[in-house]
Amino acid sequence: MEKIGFVGLGQMGRWMALNILKAGFELCVYDIVPEPVQFLVEQGARSAASLPELAAWADGVFLSLPNTAIVEKVLFGEGGLVHGARPGLVVVDLGTTSYIPTLDFARRLAERGISFADAPVSGMEARAKEGTLTVMIGGEEAIVERVRPVLNAIGNQIVPMGPVGSGQLTKLVNQLLFNVSCAAIAEVLPMAAKLGLDPEKVLQVVTTGTGRSFAAEFFGPRILENKFDEGYPLKDAYKDMVSAAEICAHKQIPLPLVHAATTTYQMALAEGYGNENKGAMIKVFERLLGVQFRKRKS
């Protein structure tokens, strides 16, 4: 696989695409936003005028898109990839897409002779730049091995999880644990402030003691500084909770803590914090308790 198409050059996608280019692959990119396309072209990539054009040129197409609906539109919509794809093309979804639709996408592509793998990544923008993402891939073994050299350009942990859909399920497990932790710090840290504890000292303990988590380590310092603009927007992160609810409904799997965390997400979204990061959920409980978990003024 030498000719790589890449669709979706957002916060994560542009760096993954750049690392694929740096690894020596021929790269053709597509995005509805001109600026990142121009950035990649200046680095040596080519650009496609349309999705069918990109699909007709590439051996493999990698997607880094915001949500399930956009993935479906890019694949099958008017002017989508399938209208230019030839049998033998491989499509790899690097984004976080719902599990049940992922299975449907794989089936529909297979009917056209197109192979599909789901390979969501874990790690924020800094790791995307470094090429040190964790990649969880689901798909046929032969397809996994075929795309592995490309994935090695974006990640240092490539973990085959099983058949198509397994990558998205694994990413969901990871995200749910993270999301529950985010909801927990949103609820508990304002209690500490309400009872008179020093927020900086509390954070020192919960990022080094047994209560530590990546959620506290990443969002805690930013909350202290009243910074809620770094990281994935809450409104987009909520898709993980929706996906979990969908799977639980179909498979009759009870997840009471996830359900409770979902309520916290919904409260934050209802109060208008959707464009801020997950740390902004703390504002819901700060308002309820009449406090703020911030650095104390000297």
C-alpha atoms as a PDB file:
ATOM      1  CA  MET A   1       0.000   0.000   0.000  1.00  0.00           C
ATOM      2  CA  GLU A   2       1.728   3.141  -1.231  1.00  0.00           C
ATOM      3  CA  LYS A   3      -0.963   5.656  -2.209  1.00  0.00           C
ATOM      4  CA  ILE A   4      -2.809   6.875   0.883  1.00  0.00           C
ATOM      5  CA  GLY A   5      -5.899   9.065   0.874  1.00  0.00           C
ATOM      6  CA  PHE A   6      -6.760  10.945   4.057  1.00  0.00           C
ATOM      7  CA  VAL A   7     -10.105  12.571   4.799  1.00  0.00           C
ATOM      8  CA  GLY A   8     -10.598  14.862   7.808  1.00  0.00           C
ATOM      9  CA  LEU A   9      -7.780  17.218   8.743  1.00  0.00           C
ATOM     10  CA  GLY A  10      -8.988  18.506  12.076  1.00  0.00           C
ATOM     11  CA  GLN A  11      -7.194  18.737  15.406  1.00  0.00           C
ATOM     12  CA  MET A  12      -5.987  15.131  15.221  1.00  0.00           C
ATOM     13  CA  GLY A  13      -6.254  14.355  11.523  1.00  0.00           C
ATOM     14  CA  ARG A  14      -3.813  16.910  10.178  1.00  0.00           C
ATOM     15  CA  TRP A  15      -0.997  15.564  12.365  1.00  0.00           C
ATOM     16  CA  MET A  16      -1.750  11.945  11.573  1.00  0.00           C
ATOM     17  CA  ALA A  17      -1.767  12.798   7.874  1.00  0.00           C
ATOM     18  CA  LEU A  18       1.515  14.691   8.229  1.00  0.00           C
ATOM     19  CA  ASN A  19       3.190  11.747   9.947  1.00  0.00           C
ATOM     20  CA  ILE A  20       1.997   9.395   7.199  1.00  0.00           C
ATOM     21  CA  LEU A  21       3.542  11.766   4.660  1.00  0.00           C
ATOM     22  CA  LYS A  22       6.793  11.962   6.631  1.00  0.00           C
ATOM     23  CA  ALA A  23       6.940   8.156   6.692  1.00  0.00           C
ATOM     24  CA  GLY A  24       7.346   8.182   2.921  1.00  0.00           C
ATOM     25  CA  PHE A  25       3.855   7.344   1.668  1.00  0.00           C
ATOM     26  CA  GLU A  26       2.292   9.159  -1.266  1.00  0.00           C
ATOM     27  CA  LEU A  27      -0.497  11.187   0.318  1.00  0.00           C
ATOM     28  CA  CYS A  28      -3.625  12.800  -1.088  1.00  0.00           C
ATOM     29  CA  VAL A  29      -5.853  14.755   1.306  1.00  0.00           C
ATOM     30  CA  TYR A  30      -9.399  16.061   1.390  1.00  0.00           C
ATOM     31  CA  ASP A  31     -11.221  18.359   3.781  1.00  0.00           C
ATOM     32  CA  ILE A  32     -14.018  20.899   3.424  1.00  0.00           C
ATOM     33  CA  VAL A  33     -11.829  23.438   5.265  1.00  0.00           C
ATOM     34  CA  PRO A  34      -9.119  24.867   2.945  1.00  0.00           C
ATOM     35  CA  GLU A  35      -6.469  25.831   5.529  1.00  0.00           C
ATOM     36  CA  PRO A  36      -5.360  22.340   6.662  1.00  0.00           C
ATOM     37  CA  VAL A  37      -5.433  21.114   3.059  1.00  0.00           C
ATOM     38  CA  GLN A  38      -3.068  23.918   2.084  1.00  0.00           C
ATOM     39  CA  PHE A  39      -0.873  23.111   5.087  1.00  0.00           C
ATOM     40  CA  LEU A  40      -0.453  19.501   3.947  1.00  0.00           C
ATOM     41  CA  VAL A  41       0.071  20.484   0.314  1.00  0.00           C
ATOM     42  CA  GLU A  42       2.893  22.780   1.418  1.00  0.00           C
ATOM     43  CA  GLN A  43       4.464  19.771   3.158  1.00  0.00           C
ATOM     44  CA  GLY A  44       4.390  17.737  -0.068  1.00  0.00           C
ATOM     45  CA  ALA A  45       0.935  16.145  -0.192  1.00  0.00           C
ATOM     46  CA  ARG A  46      -1.452  16.410  -3.092  1.00  0.00           C
ATOM     47  CA  SER A  47      -5.105  17.361  -2.727  1.00  0.00           C
ATOM     48  CA  ALA A  48      -8.263  15.927  -4.259  1.00  0.00           C
ATOM     49  CA  ALA A  49     -11.087  18.049  -5.617  1.00  0.00           C
ATOM     50  CA  SER A  50     -13.645  15.456  -4.549  1.00  0.00           C
ATOM     51  CA  LEU A  51     -14.038  12.296  -2.511  1.00  0.00           C
ATOM     52  CA  PRO A  52     -14.594  10.058  -5.570  1.00  0.00           C
ATOM     53  CA  GLU A  53     -11.390  11.439  -7.102  1.00  0.00           C
ATOM     54  CA  LEU A  54      -9.459  10.601  -3.932  1.00  0.00           C
ATOM     55  CA  ALA A  55     -10.960   7.100  -3.749  1.00  0.00           C
ATOM     56  CA  ALA A  56     -10.116   6.364  -7.380  1.00  0.00           C
ATOM     57  CA  TRP A  57      -6.461   7.335  -6.817  1.00  0.00           C
ATOM     58  CA  ALA A  58      -5.733   5.695  -3.458  1.00  0.00           C
ATOM     59  CA  ASP A  59      -4.836   2.170  -2.386  1.00  0.00           C
ATOM     60  CA  GLY A  60      -6.213   2.952   1.077  1.00  0.00           C
ATOM     61  CA  VAL A  61      -8.317   5.764   2.499  1.00  0.00           C
ATOM     62  CA  PHE A  62      -8.059   6.778   6.146  1.00  0.00           C
ATOM     63  CA  LEU A  63     -10.853   8.746   7.825  1.00  0.00           C
ATOM     64  CA  SER A  64     -10.549  11.067  10.823  1.00  0.00           C
ATOM     65  CA  LEU A  65     -14.054  12.478  11.146  1.00  0.00           C
ATOM     66  CA  PRO A  66     -16.113  13.963  14.006  1.00  0.00           C
ATOM     67  CA  ASN A  67     -19.051  11.556  14.263  1.00  0.00           C
ATOM     68  CA  THR A  68     -20.941   8.596  12.857  1.00  0.00           C
ATOM     69  CA  ALA A  69     -23.295  10.635  10.671  1.00  0.00           C
ATOM     70  CA  ILE A  70     -20.391  12.345   8.890  1.00  0.00           C
ATOM     71  CA  VAL A  71     -18.605   9.019   8.365  1.00  0.00           C
ATOM     72  CA  GLU A  72     -21.724   7.643   6.684  1.00  0.00           C
ATOM     73  CA  LYS A  73     -22.063  10.746   4.501  1.00  0.00           C
ATOM     74  CA  VAL A  74     -18.401  10.625   3.434  1.00  0.00           C
ATOM     75  CA  LEU A  75     -18.663   6.939   2.593  1.00  0.00           C
ATOM     76  CA  PHE A  76     -22.088   6.632   0.994  1.00  0.00           C
ATOM     77  CA  GLY A  77     -23.585  10.083   0.521  1.00  0.00           C
ATOM     78  CA  GLU A  78     -23.911  12.013  -2.713  1.00  0.00           C
ATOM     79  CA  GLY A  79     -20.361  12.603  -3.874  1.00  0.00           C
ATOM     80  CA  GLY A  80     -19.081  10.078  -1.317  1.00  0.00           C
ATOM     81  CA  LEU A  81     -16.083   7.757  -1.540  1.00  0.00           C
ATOM     82  CA  VAL A  82     -18.017   4.753  -2.876  1.00  0.00           C
ATOM     83  CA  HIS A  83     -18.791   6.637  -6.082  1.00  0.00           C
ATOM     84  CA  GLY A  84     -15.117   6.586  -7.055  1.00  0.00           C
ATOM     85  CA  ALA A  85     -13.868   3.497  -5.250  1.00  0.00           C
ATOM     86  CA  ARG A  86     -12.783   0.430  -7.106  1.00  0.00           C
ATOM     87  CA  PRO A  87     -12.874  -3.126  -5.726  1.00  0.00           C
ATOM     88  CA  GLY A  88      -9.828  -3.796  -3.572  1.00  0.00           C
ATOM     89  CA  LEU A  89      -9.777  -0.382  -1.901  1.00  0.00           C
ATOM     90  CA  VAL A  90      -9.221  -0.450   1.860  1.00  0.00           C
ATOM     91  CA  VAL A  91     -11.005   2.083   4.086  1.00  0.00           C
ATOM     92  CA  VAL A  92      -9.834   2.621   7.671  1.00  0.00           C
ATOM     93  CA  ASP A  93     -11.854   4.642  10.158  1.00  0.00           C
ATOM     94  CA  LEU A  94      -9.530   6.313  12.684  1.00  0.00           C
ATOM     95  CA  GLY A  95     -12.318   8.261  14.381  1.00  0.00           C
ATOM     96  CA  THR A  96     -14.689   7.351  17.185  1.00  0.00           C
ATOM     97  CA  THR A  97     -17.754   5.897  15.464  1.00  0.00           C
ATOM     98  CA  SER A  98     -20.678   4.058  17.017  1.00  0.00           C
ATOM     99  CA  TYR A  99     -20.279   0.294  17.126  1.00  0.00           C
ATOM    100  CA  ILE A 100     -23.550  -0.848  15.533  1.00  0.00           C
ATOM    101  CA  PRO A 101     -23.289   1.502  12.519  1.00  0.00           C
ATOM    102  CA  THR A 102     -19.644   0.422  12.101  1.00  0.00           C
ATOM    103  CA  LEU A 103     -20.800  -3.151  11.481  1.00  0.00           C
ATOM    104  CA  ASP A 104     -23.308  -1.874   8.925  1.00  0.00           C
ATOM    105  CA  PHE A 105     -20.672   0.224   7.129  1.00  0.00           C
ATOM    106  CA  ALA A 106     -18.397  -2.809   6.836  1.00  0.00           C
ATOM    107  CA  ARG A 107     -21.228  -4.905   5.366  1.00  0.00           C
ATOM    108  CA  ARG A 108     -22.242  -2.263   2.821  1.00  0.00           C
ATOM    109  CA  LEU A 109     -18.653  -1.689   1.708  1.00  0.00           C
ATOM    110  CA  ALA A 110     -17.989  -5.426   1.405  1.00  0.00           C
ATOM    111  CA  GLU A 111     -20.913  -5.663  -1.037  1.00  0.00           C
ATOM    112  CA  ARG A 112     -18.906  -3.318  -3.291  1.00  0.00           C
ATOM    113  CA  GLY A 113     -15.643  -5.222  -2.878  1.00  0.00           C
ATOM    114  CA  ILE A 114     -14.197  -2.638  -0.483  1.00  0.00           C
ATOM    115  CA  SER A 115     -12.425  -3.765   2.689  1.00  0.00           C
ATOM    116  CA  PHE A 116     -13.026  -1.910   5.953  1.00  0.00           C
ATOM    117  CA  ALA A 117     -11.281  -1.710   9.302  1.00  0.00           C
ATOM    118  CA  ASP A 118     -12.096   0.366  12.376  1.00  0.00           C
ATOM    119  CA  ALA A 119      -8.965   1.750  14.021  1.00  0.00           C
ATOM    120  CA  PRO A 120      -9.863   4.459  16.540  1.00  0.00           C
ATOM    121  CA  VAL A 121      -6.971   6.179  18.278  1.00  0.00           C
ATOM    122  CA  SER A 122      -6.382   7.191  21.872  1.00  0.00           C
ATOM    123  CA  GLY A 123      -4.250  10.161  22.833  1.00  0.00           C
ATOM    124  CA  MET A 124      -4.693  13.887  22.498  1.00  0.00           C
ATOM    125  CA  GLU A 125      -3.259  16.349  19.996  1.00  0.00           C
ATOM    126  CA  ALA A 126       0.273  16.283  21.455  1.00  0.00           C
ATOM    127  CA  ARG A 127       0.546  12.533  20.870  1.00  0.00           C
ATOM    128  CA  ALA A 128      -0.930  12.901  17.386  1.00  0.00           C
ATOM    129  CA  LYS A 129       1.900  15.339  16.591  1.00  0.00           C
ATOM    130  CA  GLU A 130       4.496  12.985  18.050  1.00  0.00           C
ATOM    131  CA  GLY A 131       3.133   9.933  16.244  1.00  0.00           C
ATOM    132  CA  THR A 132       2.734   8.101  19.554  1.00  0.00           C
ATOM    133  CA  LEU A 133      -0.998   7.382  19.554  1.00  0.00           C
ATOM    134  CA  THR A 134      -2.495   4.095  20.725  1.00  0.00           C
ATOM    135  CA  VAL A 135      -4.428   2.453  17.885  1.00  0.00           C
ATOM    136  CA  MET A 136      -7.089  -0.209  18.468  1.00  0.00           C
ATOM    137  CA  ILE A 137      -7.912  -1.952  15.200  1.00  0.00           C
ATOM    138  CA  GLY A 138     -10.731  -4.284  14.292  1.00  0.00           C
ATOM    139  CA  GLY A 139     -10.770  -6.138  10.994  1.00  0.00           C
ATOM    140  CA  GLU A 140      -9.646  -9.208   9.090  1.00  0.00           C
ATOM    141  CA  GLU A 141      -6.081 -10.231   9.915  1.00  0.00           C
ATOM    142  CA  ALA A 142      -4.905  -9.778   6.322  1.00  0.00           C
ATOM    143  CA  ILE A 143      -6.286  -6.230   6.216  1.00  0.00           C
ATOM    144  CA  VAL A 144      -4.752  -5.385   9.591  1.00  0.00           C
ATOM    145  CA  GLU A 145      -1.333  -6.466   8.361  1.00  0.00           C
ATOM    146  CA  ARG A 146      -1.785  -4.595   5.109  1.00  0.00           C
ATOM    147  CA  VAL A 147      -2.464  -1.278   6.861  1.00  0.00           C
ATOM    148  CA  ARG A 148      -0.073  -1.780   9.780  1.00  0.00           C
ATOM    149  CA  PRO A 149       2.843   0.088   8.116  1.00  0.00           C
ATOM    150  CA  VAL A 150       0.616   3.155   7.777  1.00  0.00           C
ATOM    151  CA  LEU A 151      -0.603   2.882  11.354  1.00  0.00           C
ATOM    152  CA  ASN A 152       3.002   2.614  12.543  1.00  0.00           C
ATOM    153  CA  ALA A 153       3.467   6.147  11.248  1.00  0.00           C
ATOM    154  CA  ILE A 154       0.816   7.536  13.599  1.00  0.00           C
ATOM    155  CA  GLY A 155       1.071   5.331  16.673  1.00  0.00           C
ATOM    156  CA  ASN A 156       3.532   3.386  18.804  1.00  0.00           C
ATOM    157  CA  GLN A 157       0.946   0.961  20.177  1.00  0.00           C
ATOM    158  CA  ILE A 158      -0.969  -0.889  17.431  1.00  0.00           C
ATOM    159  CA  VAL A 159      -3.310  -3.379  19.082  1.00  0.00           C
ATOM    160  CA  PRO A 160      -5.340  -5.791  16.901  1.00  0.00           C
ATOM    161  CA  MET A 161      -8.585  -6.412  18.797  1.00  0.00           C
ATOM    162  CA  GLY A 162     -10.422  -8.907  16.584  1.00  0.00           C
ATOM    163  CA  PRO A 163     -13.090  -8.631  13.875  1.00  0.00           C
ATOM    164  CA  VAL A 164     -14.567  -5.410  12.509  1.00  0.00           C
ATOM    165  CA  GLY A 165     -16.141  -3.368  15.304  1.00  0.00           C
ATOM    166  CA  SER A 166     -13.692  -4.575  17.949  1.00  0.00           C
ATOM    167  CA  GLY A 167     -11.616  -1.434  17.669  1.00  0.00           C
ATOM    168  CA  GLN A 168     -14.595   0.812  18.314  1.00  0.00           C
ATOM    169  CA  LEU A 169     -15.750  -1.341  21.219  1.00  0.00           C
ATOM    170  CA  THR A 170     -12.299  -1.136  22.806  1.00  0.00           C
ATOM    171  CA  LYS A 171     -12.130   2.626  22.307  1.00  0.00           C
ATOM    172  CA  LEU A 172     -15.565   2.916  23.904  1.00  0.00           C
ATOM    173  CA  VAL A 173     -14.428   0.951  26.966  1.00  0.00           C
ATOM    174  CA  ASN A 174     -11.454   3.292  27.312  1.00  0.00           C
ATOM    175  CA  GLN A 175     -13.562   6.421  26.810  1.00  0.00           C
ATOM    176  CA  LEU A 176     -16.281   5.370  29.237  1.00  0.00           C
ATOM    177  CA  LEU A 177     -13.742   4.861  32.009  1.00  0.00           C
ATOM    178  CA  PHE A 178     -12.260   8.272  31.206  1.00  0.00           C
ATOM    179  CA  ASN A 179     -15.671   9.933  30.977  1.00  0.00           C
ATOM    180  CA  VAL A 180     -16.831   8.504  34.298  1.00  0.00           C
ATOM    181  CA  SER A 181     -13.640   9.879  35.873  1.00  0.00           C
ATOM    182  CA  CYS A 182     -14.357  13.308  34.377  1.00  0.00           C
ATOM    183  CA  ALA A 183     -17.882  13.274  35.782  1.00  0.00           C
ATOM    184  CA  ALA A 184     -16.555  12.170  39.165  1.00  0.00           C
ATOM    185  CA  ILE A 185     -14.083  15.034  39.537  1.00  0.00           C
ATOM    186  CA  ALA A 186     -16.805  17.458  38.412  1.00  0.00           C
ATOM    187  CA  GLU A 187     -18.974  16.269  41.288  1.00  0.00           C
ATOM    188  CA  VAL A 188     -16.441  15.729  44.069  1.00  0.00           C
ATOM    189  CA  LEU A 189     -14.016  18.645  43.728  1.00  0.00           C
ATOM    190  CA  PRO A 190     -16.685  21.326  44.327  1.00  0.00           C
ATOM    191  CA  MET A 191     -17.587  19.486  47.555  1.00  0.00           C
ATOM    192  CA  ALA A 192     -13.981  19.931  48.691  1.00  0.00           C
ATOM    193  CA  ALA A 193     -14.186  23.669  47.970  1.00  0.00           C
ATOM    194  CA  LYS A 194     -17.559  23.926  49.718  1.00  0.00           C
ATOM    195  CA  LEU A 195     -16.095  22.398  52.876  1.00  0.00           C
ATOM    196  CA  GLY A 196     -13.199  24.842  52.919  1.00  0.00           C
ATOM    197  CA  LEU A 197     -10.309  22.818  51.556  1.00  0.00           C
ATOM    198  CA  ASP A 198      -7.612  24.544  49.502  1.00  0.00           C
ATOM    199  CA  PRO A 199      -8.194  23.527  45.829  1.00  0.00           C
ATOM    200  CA  GLU A 200      -4.480  23.518  44.956  1.00  0.00           C
ATOM    201  CA  LYS A 201      -3.629  21.226  47.865  1.00  0.00           C
ATOM    202  CA  VAL A 202      -6.572  18.956  47.113  1.00  0.00           C
ATOM    203  CA  LEU A 203      -5.424  18.625  43.524  1.00  0.00           C
ATOM    204  CA  GLN A 204      -1.884  17.866  44.671  1.00  0.00           C
ATOM    205  CA  VAL A 205      -3.256  14.913  46.628  1.00  0.00           C
ATOM    206  CA  VAL A 206      -5.704  13.575  44.036  1.00  0.00           C
ATOM    207  CA  THR A 207      -3.069  13.614  41.284  1.00  0.00           C
ATOM    208  CA  THR A 208      -0.493  11.728  43.358  1.00  0.00           C
ATOM    209  CA  GLY A 209      -2.581   9.599  45.730  1.00  0.00           C
ATOM    210  CA  THR A 210      -4.844   6.621  45.151  1.00  0.00           C
ATOM    211  CA  GLY A 211      -7.593   8.855  43.737  1.00  0.00           C
ATOM    212  CA  ARG A 212      -5.431   9.918  40.810  1.00  0.00           C
ATOM    213  CA  SER A 213      -6.649   9.597  37.232  1.00  0.00           C
ATOM    214  CA  PHE A 214      -5.756  10.992  33.843  1.00  0.00           C
ATOM    215  CA  ALA A 215      -8.933  13.081  34.062  1.00  0.00           C
ATOM    216  CA  ALA A 216      -7.683  14.793  37.231  1.00  0.00           C
ATOM    217  CA  GLU A 217      -4.153  15.146  35.896  1.00  0.00           C
ATOM    218  CA  PHE A 218      -5.277  16.754  32.639  1.00  0.00           C
ATOM    219  CA  PHE A 219      -8.302  18.791  33.654  1.00  0.00           C
ATOM    220  CA  GLY A 220      -7.425  19.585  37.275  1.00  0.00           C
ATOM    221  CA  PRO A 221      -4.685  22.166  36.599  1.00  0.00           C
ATOM    222  CA  ARG A 222      -6.799  23.725  33.862  1.00  0.00           C
ATOM    223  CA  ILE A 223      -9.805  24.005  36.177  1.00  0.00           C
ATOM    224  CA  LEU A 224      -7.638  25.754  38.773  1.00  0.00           C
ATOM    225  CA  GLU A 225      -6.650  28.287  36.099  1.00  0.00           C
ATOM    226  CA  ASN A 226     -10.250  28.631  34.834  1.00  0.00           C
ATOM    227  CA  LYS A 227      -9.263  27.264  31.413  1.00  0.00           C
ATOM    228  CA  PHE A 228     -11.896  25.222  29.628  1.00  0.00           C
ATOM    229  CA  ASP A 229     -10.863  25.650  25.989  1.00  0.00           C
ATOM    230  CA  GLU A 230      -8.227  22.896  25.706  1.00  0.00           C
ATOM    231  CA  GLY A 231      -9.200  19.383  24.702  1.00  0.00           C
ATOM    232  CA  TYR A 232     -12.196  17.851  22.949  1.00  0.00           C
ATOM    233  CA  PRO A 233     -15.488  19.824  23.134  1.00  0.00           C
ATOM    234  CA  LEU A 234     -18.029  18.365  25.528  1.00  0.00           C
ATOM    235  CA  LYS A 235     -20.770  18.275  22.877  1.00  0.00           C
ATOM    236  CA  ASP A 236     -18.601  15.994  20.713  1.00  0.00           C
ATOM    237  CA  ALA A 237     -17.411  13.807  23.593  1.00  0.00           C
ATOM    238  CA  TYR A 238     -21.052  13.103  24.482  1.00  0.00           C
ATOM    239  CA  LYS A 239     -21.270  10.722  21.504  1.00  0.00           C
ATOM    240  CA  ASP A 240     -19.489   8.081  23.612  1.00  0.00           C
ATOM    241  CA  MET A 241     -22.303   8.161  26.134  1.00  0.00           C
ATOM    242  CA  VAL A 242     -24.902   7.883  23.375  1.00  0.00           C
ATOM    243  CA  SER A 243     -23.073   4.903  21.890  1.00  0.00           C
ATOM    244  CA  ALA A 244     -22.943   3.195  25.286  1.00  0.00           C
ATOM    245  CA  ALA A 245     -26.673   3.727  25.809  1.00  0.00           C
ATOM    246  CA  GLU A 246     -27.377   2.291  22.364  1.00  0.00           C
ATOM    247  CA  ILE A 247     -25.329  -0.832  22.996  1.00  0.00           C
ATOM    248  CA  CYS A 248     -26.807  -1.324  26.471  1.00  0.00           C
ATOM    249  CA  ALA A 249     -30.331  -1.083  25.068  1.00  0.00           C
ATOM    250  CA  HIS A 250     -29.641  -3.656  22.351  1.00  0.00           C
ATOM    251  CA  LYS A 251     -27.581  -6.046  24.473  1.00  0.00           C
ATOM    252  CA  GLN A 252     -29.384  -5.624  27.849  1.00  0.00           C
ATOM    253  CA  ILE A 253     -26.180  -4.650  29.644  1.00  0.00           C
ATOM    254  CA  PRO A 254     -26.615  -2.577  32.839  1.00  0.00           C
ATOM    255  CA  LEU A 255     -24.039   0.199  33.382  1.00  0.00           C
ATOM    256  CA  PRO A 256     -25.386   2.211  36.336  1.00  0.00           C
ATOM    257  CA  LEU A 257     -22.261   4.359  36.859  1.00  0.00           C
ATOM    258  CA  VAL A 258     -22.073   5.177  33.165  1.00  0.00           C
ATOM    259  CA  HIS A 259     -25.752   6.095  33.256  1.00  0.00           C
ATOM    260  CA  ALA A 260     -25.130   8.447  36.182  1.00  0.00           C
ATOM    261  CA  ALA A 261     -22.176  10.038  34.391  1.00  0.00           C
ATOM    262  CA  THR A 262     -24.349  10.490  31.314  1.00  0.00           C
ATOM    263  CA  THR A 263     -26.739  12.551  33.408  1.00  0.00           C
ATOM    264  CA  THR A 264     -23.860  14.845  34.410  1.00  0.00           C
ATOM    265  CA  TYR A 265     -22.942  15.296  30.749  1.00  0.00           C
ATOM    266  CA  GLN A 266     -26.558  16.098  29.926  1.00  0.00           C
ATOM    267  CA  MET A 267     -26.760  18.664  32.730  1.00  0.00           C
ATOM    268  CA  ALA A 268     -23.618  20.400  31.459  1.00  0.00           C
ATOM    269  CA  LEU A 269     -24.890  20.406  27.884  1.00  0.00           C
ATOM    270  CA  ALA A 270     -28.267  21.756  29.002  1.00  0.00           C
ATOM    271  CA  GLU A 271     -26.488  24.628  30.754  1.00  0.00           C
ATOM    272  CA  GLY A 272     -24.664  25.570  27.563  1.00  0.00           C
ATOM    273  CA  TYR A 273     -21.155  24.214  28.145  1.00  0.00           C
ATOM    274  CA  GLY A 274     -21.052  22.101  24.974  1.00  0.00           C
ATOM    275  CA  ASN A 275     -18.279  24.080  23.306  1.00  0.00           C
ATOM    276  CA  GLU A 276     -15.995  23.784  26.342  1.00  0.00           C
ATOM    277  CA  ASN A 277     -13.994  20.718  27.348  1.00  0.00           C
ATOM    278  CA  LYS A 278     -15.038  17.951  29.729  1.00  0.00           C
ATOM    279  CA  GLY A 279     -13.618  19.846  32.672  1.00  0.00           C
ATOM    280  CA  ALA A 280     -16.460  22.336  32.257  1.00  0.00           C
ATOM    281  CA  MET A 281     -18.853  19.811  33.815  1.00  0.00           C
ATOM    282  CA  ILE A 282     -17.538  21.025  37.165  1.00  0.00           C
ATOM    283  CA  LYS A 283     -19.423  24.287  36.620  1.00  0.00           C
ATOM    284  CA  VAL A 284     -22.729  22.457  37.080  1.00  0.00           C
ATOM    285  CA  PHE A 285     -21.878  21.448  40.635  1.00  0.00           C
ATOM    286  CA  GLU A 286     -20.067  24.681  41.398  1.00  0.00           C
ATOM    287  CA  ARG A 287     -23.258  26.537  40.623  1.00  0.00           C
ATOM    288  CA  LEU A 288     -25.317  24.164  42.761  1.00  0.00           C
ATOM    289  CA  LEU A 289     -22.978  24.589  45.739  1.00  0.00           C
ATOM    290  CA  GLY A 290     -22.205  28.264  45.208  1.00  0.00           C
ATOM    291  CA  VAL A 291     -18.407  27.743  45.041  1.00  0.00           C
ATOM    292  CA  GLN A 292     -15.547  27.574  42.581  1.00  0.00           C
ATOM    293  CA  PHE A 293     -12.666  25.119  42.561  1.00  0.00           C
ATOM    294  CA  ARG A 294      -9.981  27.609  41.505  1.00  0.00           C
ATOM    295  CA  LYS A 295      -6.626  28.912  42.722  1.00  0.00           C
ATOM    296  CA  ARG A 296      -7.081  31.094  45.752  1.00  0.00           C
ATOM    297  CA  LYS A 297      -6.195  34.717  45.237  1.00  0.00           C
ATOM    298  CA  SER A 298      -3.041  35.691  47.089  1.00  0.00           C
END
